[in-house]
Amino acid sequence: MRDLGSIPSPMNAFLLNVGLETLHLRMPQHVSNAQAVAEFLQQHPAVAWVHYPGQPTNASYALAQKYMPQGTCGVMSFGLKGTRDDAVAFMDRLRLIAIVTHIADARSCVLHPASHTHRQMSEQQLREAGVDPELIRLSAGIEDKEDILDDLRQALSLTP
């Protein structure tokens, strides 16, 4: 809303509606892919932490199992071991996963809030808002799971 206003154009409203009408068909693949990605990231030595409610180590896991027994969601956040610049460099190396702000898109997407959606904030304001410089948000798409993991693997291979 900050950039475009609160009223979508007719074509954008139509496309949003089409997406909502097919969401129930896509969600099982989003959830399956996100679970695989979260497990992969949790084990990767370049990753400091992963927040995904489908993981038993997550604080919301019990509630997620209670209220979403068929799977949680396709969105997670994770932090790389390193700096803000390392997070940006990691994203620049991605080939399949798009750098956009969408969630529940057919394609996998990542976003680095510190340099995108919250870029106008100072380092101190980011931390006060809970936006760590290394935080990356990933929305798993409906591509083949191995393609997503391969893209993450190659992008992480050069991360310190």
C-alpha atoms as a PDB file:
ATOM      1  CA  MET A   1       0.000   0.000   0.000  1.00  0.00           C
ATOM      2  CA  ARG A   2       2.892   2.355   0.701  1.00  0.00           C
ATOM      3  CA  ASP A   3       4.056   2.231  -2.917  1.00  0.00           C
ATOM      4  CA  LEU A   4       0.917   1.599  -4.979  1.00  0.00           C
ATOM      5  CA  GLY A   5      -2.129   2.534  -2.916  1.00  0.00           C
ATOM      6  CA  SER A   6      -4.941   0.419  -1.557  1.00  0.00           C
ATOM      7  CA  ILE A   7      -7.024  -0.238  -4.684  1.00  0.00           C
ATOM      8  CA  PRO A   8      -5.741  -2.756  -7.266  1.00  0.00           C
ATOM      9  CA  SER A   9      -6.290  -2.214 -10.954  1.00  0.00           C
ATOM     10  CA  PRO A  10      -8.980  -4.412 -12.600  1.00  0.00           C
ATOM     11  CA  MET A  11      -6.384  -6.733 -14.160  1.00  0.00           C
ATOM     12  CA  ASN A  12      -4.489  -7.093 -10.876  1.00  0.00           C
ATOM     13  CA  ALA A  13      -7.757  -7.838  -9.068  1.00  0.00           C
ATOM     14  CA  PHE A  14      -8.602 -10.498 -11.682  1.00  0.00           C
ATOM     15  CA  LEU A  15      -5.184 -12.149 -11.373  1.00  0.00           C
ATOM     16  CA  LEU A  16      -5.403 -12.088  -7.581  1.00  0.00           C
ATOM     17  CA  ASN A  17      -8.792 -13.789  -7.776  1.00  0.00           C
ATOM     18  CA  VAL A  18      -7.485 -16.485 -10.135  1.00  0.00           C
ATOM     19  CA  GLY A  19      -4.654 -17.137  -7.695  1.00  0.00           C
ATOM     20  CA  LEU A  20      -7.047 -17.438  -4.778  1.00  0.00           C
ATOM     21  CA  GLU A  21      -9.310 -19.808  -6.711  1.00  0.00           C
ATOM     22  CA  THR A  22      -6.434 -22.234  -7.333  1.00  0.00           C
ATOM     23  CA  LEU A  23      -4.673 -21.881  -3.980  1.00  0.00           C
ATOM     24  CA  HIS A  24      -6.214 -25.092  -2.601  1.00  0.00           C
ATOM     25  CA  LEU A  25      -4.659 -27.002  -5.492  1.00  0.00           C
ATOM     26  CA  ARG A  26      -1.180 -25.546  -4.928  1.00  0.00           C
ATOM     27  CA  MET A  27      -0.929 -25.611  -1.130  1.00  0.00           C
ATOM     28  CA  PRO A  28      -0.037 -29.311  -0.714  1.00  0.00           C
ATOM     29  CA  GLN A  29       2.985 -28.809  -3.008  1.00  0.00           C
ATOM     30  CA  HIS A  30       3.964 -25.560  -1.248  1.00  0.00           C
ATOM     31  CA  VAL A  31       3.855 -27.342   2.119  1.00  0.00           C
ATOM     32  CA  SER A  32       5.769 -30.393   0.919  1.00  0.00           C
ATOM     33  CA  ASN A  33       8.479 -28.293  -0.696  1.00  0.00           C
ATOM     34  CA  ALA A  34       8.764 -25.963   2.291  1.00  0.00           C
ATOM     35  CA  GLN A  35       9.191 -28.881   4.682  1.00  0.00           C
ATOM     36  CA  ALA A  36      11.999 -30.296   2.526  1.00  0.00           C
ATOM     37  CA  VAL A  37      13.666 -26.877   2.223  1.00  0.00           C
ATOM     38  CA  ALA A  38      13.434 -26.234   5.978  1.00  0.00           C
ATOM     39  CA  GLU A  39      15.000 -29.619   6.728  1.00  0.00           C
ATOM     40  CA  PHE A  40      17.774 -28.969   4.209  1.00  0.00           C
ATOM     41  CA  LEU A  41      18.518 -25.490   5.558  1.00  0.00           C
ATOM     42  CA  GLN A  42      18.482 -26.691   9.171  1.00  0.00           C
ATOM     43  CA  GLN A  43      21.314 -29.104   8.355  1.00  0.00           C
ATOM     44  CA  HIS A  44      23.402 -26.759   6.194  1.00  0.00           C
ATOM     45  CA  PRO A  45      26.589 -25.456   7.855  1.00  0.00           C
ATOM     46  CA  ALA A  46      26.207 -21.950   6.331  1.00  0.00           C
ATOM     47  CA  VAL A  47      22.772 -21.479   7.924  1.00  0.00           C
ATOM     48  CA  ALA A  48      22.578 -20.083  11.458  1.00  0.00           C
ATOM     49  CA  TRP A  49      18.884 -20.663  12.136  1.00  0.00           C
ATOM     50  CA  VAL A  50      15.567 -21.602  10.484  1.00  0.00           C
ATOM     51  CA  HIS A  51      12.054 -20.569  11.545  1.00  0.00           C
ATOM     52  CA  TYR A  52       9.394 -22.855  10.088  1.00  0.00           C
ATOM     53  CA  PRO A  53       6.336 -24.035  12.057  1.00  0.00           C
ATOM     54  CA  GLY A  54       6.520 -27.493  10.477  1.00  0.00           C
ATOM     55  CA  GLN A  55       9.746 -28.278  12.349  1.00  0.00           C
ATOM     56  CA  PRO A  56       9.538 -29.955  15.770  1.00  0.00           C
ATOM     57  CA  THR A  57      12.145 -27.500  17.113  1.00  0.00           C
ATOM     58  CA  ASN A  58       9.940 -24.487  16.285  1.00  0.00           C
ATOM     59  CA  ALA A  59       8.138 -22.776  19.189  1.00  0.00           C
ATOM     60  CA  SER A  60       4.853 -22.865  17.229  1.00  0.00           C
ATOM     61  CA  TYR A  61       5.107 -26.525  16.220  1.00  0.00           C
ATOM     62  CA  ALA A  62       2.466 -27.853  18.654  1.00  0.00           C
ATOM     63  CA  LEU A  63      -0.025 -25.173  17.653  1.00  0.00           C
ATOM     64  CA  ALA A  64       0.737 -25.758  13.979  1.00  0.00           C
ATOM     65  CA  GLN A  65       0.033 -29.478  14.389  1.00  0.00           C
ATOM     66  CA  LYS A  66      -3.199 -28.731  16.246  1.00  0.00           C
ATOM     67  CA  TYR A  67      -4.601 -26.119  13.855  1.00  0.00           C
ATOM     68  CA  MET A  68      -3.005 -27.221  10.583  1.00  0.00           C
ATOM     69  CA  PRO A  69      -2.754 -31.018  10.707  1.00  0.00           C
ATOM     70  CA  GLN A  70      -2.379 -31.311   6.923  1.00  0.00           C
ATOM     71  CA  GLY A  71       0.690 -29.073   6.883  1.00  0.00           C
ATOM     72  CA  THR A  72       1.579 -25.567   7.844  1.00  0.00           C
ATOM     73  CA  CYS A  73       2.594 -23.255   5.023  1.00  0.00           C
ATOM     74  CA  GLY A  74       5.129 -22.606   2.308  1.00  0.00           C
ATOM     75  CA  VAL A  75       6.854 -19.649   3.981  1.00  0.00           C
ATOM     76  CA  MET A  76       9.868 -19.700   6.278  1.00  0.00           C
ATOM     77  CA  SER A  77      12.640 -17.433   7.394  1.00  0.00           C
ATOM     78  CA  PHE A  78      16.260 -18.272   7.940  1.00  0.00           C
ATOM     79  CA  GLY A  79      19.498 -16.551   8.711  1.00  0.00           C
ATOM     80  CA  LEU A  80      22.898 -17.133   7.201  1.00  0.00           C
ATOM     81  CA  LYS A  81      26.069 -17.225   9.218  1.00  0.00           C
ATOM     82  CA  GLY A  82      27.630 -13.988   8.103  1.00  0.00           C
ATOM     83  CA  THR A  83      26.714 -10.420   7.350  1.00  0.00           C
ATOM     84  CA  ARG A  84      24.014  -8.507   5.558  1.00  0.00           C
ATOM     85  CA  ASP A  85      26.266  -8.432   2.480  1.00  0.00           C
ATOM     86  CA  ASP A  86      26.607 -12.229   2.634  1.00  0.00           C
ATOM     87  CA  ALA A  87      22.812 -12.566   2.602  1.00  0.00           C
ATOM     88  CA  VAL A  88      22.532 -10.264  -0.416  1.00  0.00           C
ATOM     89  CA  ALA A  89      25.338 -12.127  -2.223  1.00  0.00           C
ATOM     90  CA  PHE A  90      23.609 -15.458  -1.532  1.00  0.00           C
ATOM     91  CA  MET A  91      20.412 -14.173  -3.098  1.00  0.00           C
ATOM     92  CA  ASP A  92      22.282 -12.844  -6.120  1.00  0.00           C
ATOM     93  CA  ARG A  93      23.611 -16.370  -6.774  1.00  0.00           C
ATOM     94  CA  LEU A  94      20.146 -17.936  -6.913  1.00  0.00           C
ATOM     95  CA  ARG A  95      19.172 -19.039 -10.419  1.00  0.00           C
ATOM     96  CA  LEU A  96      15.724 -20.598 -10.059  1.00  0.00           C
ATOM     97  CA  ILE A  97      14.386 -18.886  -6.965  1.00  0.00           C
ATOM     98  CA  ALA A  98      13.127 -15.378  -7.747  1.00  0.00           C
ATOM     99  CA  ILE A  99      13.910 -12.299  -5.666  1.00  0.00           C
ATOM    100  CA  VAL A 100      10.392 -10.879  -5.253  1.00  0.00           C
ATOM    101  CA  THR A 101       7.969 -10.109  -2.426  1.00  0.00           C
ATOM    102  CA  HIS A 102       5.259 -12.662  -3.281  1.00  0.00           C
ATOM    103  CA  ILE A 103       4.093 -15.527  -1.111  1.00  0.00           C
ATOM    104  CA  ALA A 104       2.161 -18.608  -2.273  1.00  0.00           C
ATOM    105  CA  ASP A 105       3.320 -17.888  -5.807  1.00  0.00           C
ATOM    106  CA  ALA A 106       3.736 -20.824  -8.199  1.00  0.00           C
ATOM    107  CA  ARG A 107       7.467 -20.054  -8.216  1.00  0.00           C
ATOM    108  CA  SER A 108       9.810 -20.079  -5.247  1.00  0.00           C
ATOM    109  CA  CYS A 109      10.656 -16.585  -4.033  1.00  0.00           C
ATOM    110  CA  VAL A 110      13.085 -15.024  -1.583  1.00  0.00           C
ATOM    111  CA  LEU A 111      13.268 -11.625   0.000  1.00  0.00           C
ATOM    112  CA  HIS A 112      15.915  -9.929   2.114  1.00  0.00           C
ATOM    113  CA  PRO A 113      13.812  -7.554   4.248  1.00  0.00           C
ATOM    114  CA  ALA A 114      16.779  -5.486   5.479  1.00  0.00           C
ATOM    115  CA  SER A 115      17.621  -4.399   1.938  1.00  0.00           C
ATOM    116  CA  HIS A 116      14.146  -4.537   0.372  1.00  0.00           C
ATOM    117  CA  THR A 117      10.923  -3.966   2.320  1.00  0.00           C
ATOM    118  CA  HIS A 118      12.635  -2.324   5.313  1.00  0.00           C
ATOM    119  CA  ARG A 119      15.488  -0.611   3.475  1.00  0.00           C
ATOM    120  CA  GLN A 120      14.524   2.841   4.767  1.00  0.00           C
ATOM    121  CA  MET A 121      15.270   1.789   8.365  1.00  0.00           C
ATOM    122  CA  SER A 122      18.596   2.174  10.142  1.00  0.00           C
ATOM    123  CA  GLU A 123      20.505  -0.860  11.435  1.00  0.00           C
ATOM    124  CA  GLN A 124      19.280  -0.116  14.964  1.00  0.00           C
ATOM    125  CA  GLN A 125      15.663   0.282  13.828  1.00  0.00           C
ATOM    126  CA  LEU A 126      15.897  -3.018  11.933  1.00  0.00           C
ATOM    127  CA  ARG A 127      17.071  -4.881  15.027  1.00  0.00           C
ATOM    128  CA  GLU A 128      14.403  -3.206  17.199  1.00  0.00           C
ATOM    129  CA  ALA A 129      11.777  -4.366  14.675  1.00  0.00           C
ATOM    130  CA  GLY A 130      13.133  -7.924  14.777  1.00  0.00           C
ATOM    131  CA  VAL A 131      14.598  -7.771  11.273  1.00  0.00           C
ATOM    132  CA  ASP A 132      18.081  -9.228  11.522  1.00  0.00           C
ATOM    133  CA  PRO A 133      20.494  -8.210   8.736  1.00  0.00           C
ATOM    134  CA  GLU A 134      21.008 -11.866   7.802  1.00  0.00           C
ATOM    135  CA  LEU A 135      17.274 -12.716   7.743  1.00  0.00           C
ATOM    136  CA  ILE A 136      15.950 -14.118   4.470  1.00  0.00           C
ATOM    137  CA  ARG A 137      12.310 -14.983   3.861  1.00  0.00           C
ATOM    138  CA  LEU A 138      11.646 -17.859   1.476  1.00  0.00           C
ATOM    139  CA  SER A 139       8.318 -18.862  -0.002  1.00  0.00           C
ATOM    140  CA  ALA A 140       8.524 -22.349  -1.499  1.00  0.00           C
ATOM    141  CA  GLY A 141       6.857 -22.629  -4.878  1.00  0.00           C
ATOM    142  CA  ILE A 142       5.453 -25.639  -6.677  1.00  0.00           C
ATOM    143  CA  GLU A 143       8.547 -26.482  -8.715  1.00  0.00           C
ATOM    144  CA  ASP A 144      10.165 -29.876  -8.342  1.00  0.00           C
ATOM    145  CA  LYS A 145      11.590 -30.105  -4.830  1.00  0.00           C
ATOM    146  CA  GLU A 146      15.021 -31.217  -6.060  1.00  0.00           C
ATOM    147  CA  ASP A 147      15.289 -28.194  -8.352  1.00  0.00           C
ATOM    148  CA  ILE A 148      14.678 -25.873  -5.402  1.00  0.00           C
ATOM    149  CA  LEU A 149      17.183 -27.705  -3.223  1.00  0.00           C
ATOM    150  CA  ASP A 150      19.784 -27.720  -6.015  1.00  0.00           C
ATOM    151  CA  ASP A 151      19.444 -23.954  -6.402  1.00  0.00           C
ATOM    152  CA  LEU A 152      19.862 -23.403  -2.664  1.00  0.00           C
ATOM    153  CA  ARG A 153      22.777 -25.825  -2.560  1.00  0.00           C
ATOM    154  CA  GLN A 154      24.706 -24.017  -5.311  1.00  0.00           C
ATOM    155  CA  ALA A 155      23.983 -20.565  -3.868  1.00  0.00           C
ATOM    156  CA  LEU A 156      25.034 -21.637  -0.376  1.00  0.00           C
ATOM    157  CA  SER A 157      28.198 -23.351  -1.614  1.00  0.00           C
ATOM    158  CA  LEU A 158      29.941 -19.971  -1.901  1.00  0.00           C
ATOM    159  CA  THR A 159      28.587 -18.535   1.359  1.00  0.00           C
ATOM    160  CA  PRO A 160      31.240 -18.153   4.094  1.00  0.00           C
END
